[in-house]
Amino acid sequence: MLVCLTLLLLLGGWQHKRLGWKTALLNRIETGLSAPLTPLPATIDHPAAWEYRPVSVTGRFLHDKTMILHPRTHHDRPGGHVVTLFQPAEGLPVFVNRGWLPQEQQEFPRPAGDVTLTALIGKLPVAGTFTPPNSPEKEAWYWFEKAAADRHFNTSTRDYLLFVTEDDTQQEKYPLPGQLRTEYPNDHFAYMLFWLGMAFTLIVVYILSHLSHEPPKEQDKT
């Protein structure tokens, strides 16, 4: 009984911790998205403070420095994310996630000259536990790895990504912009109540079972 109770309490505590993390994430997303559209500064000292904020930037794509991150699905369709180096009018270049491209589509627009983008700022990702290593020499990219991308394309870039929401030159449907995830379910409060409720139920059952097995008291002899 003690082992089961400990496990249930640990699960409830873990969900409480996850609830705090998810709530902070959703608050950060809401704060960022509600910020007014701002011209992208030439330098950002603390990119985390700008996460999810909408920005506008004018510059040009360096299409010879493009990678496609696989696999990425959209409504269960296989495909990839097109990530291209972008040189703003001022400051270091920055990698831009232009959007999702279907697996069967090999060609996509490559606008020349100056373009103006509206984008959200996203933090640099971390590889998942089961994400295979990138092989830049084979053009096999599974996640955006800034250090590897900078080495492969012989460049030095900013410490964040831009995720396009609007491109004033794009007439084609693909790449499909808006690939920075901004919606997450938050069921951790319900899960926390479930596990803690199970722990409480276990305690009640334990107490009742012991009360029901108490030997009856002998009646006083008169």
Foldseek 3Di string as FASTA:
>chain_A
DVVLLVVLLVQLVVLVVVLVVVVVLLVLLVVQCPDDEEADDQDDPDLSNNANHKYKFKFFWPAVLWAWADFDDDPNFTWTWIWTWTDTPHHFIAIEGAATDGPVDDDDDHDGDMWMFIWGKHAADDDDPPFDDADVVVSHHHGDDPVVSCVSVVGDHDRIYTFTPDIPPDPDCPRPTDPDDNDDDNCSVVSSCVSVVVSVVVVVVVVVVVVVPDDDDDDDDD
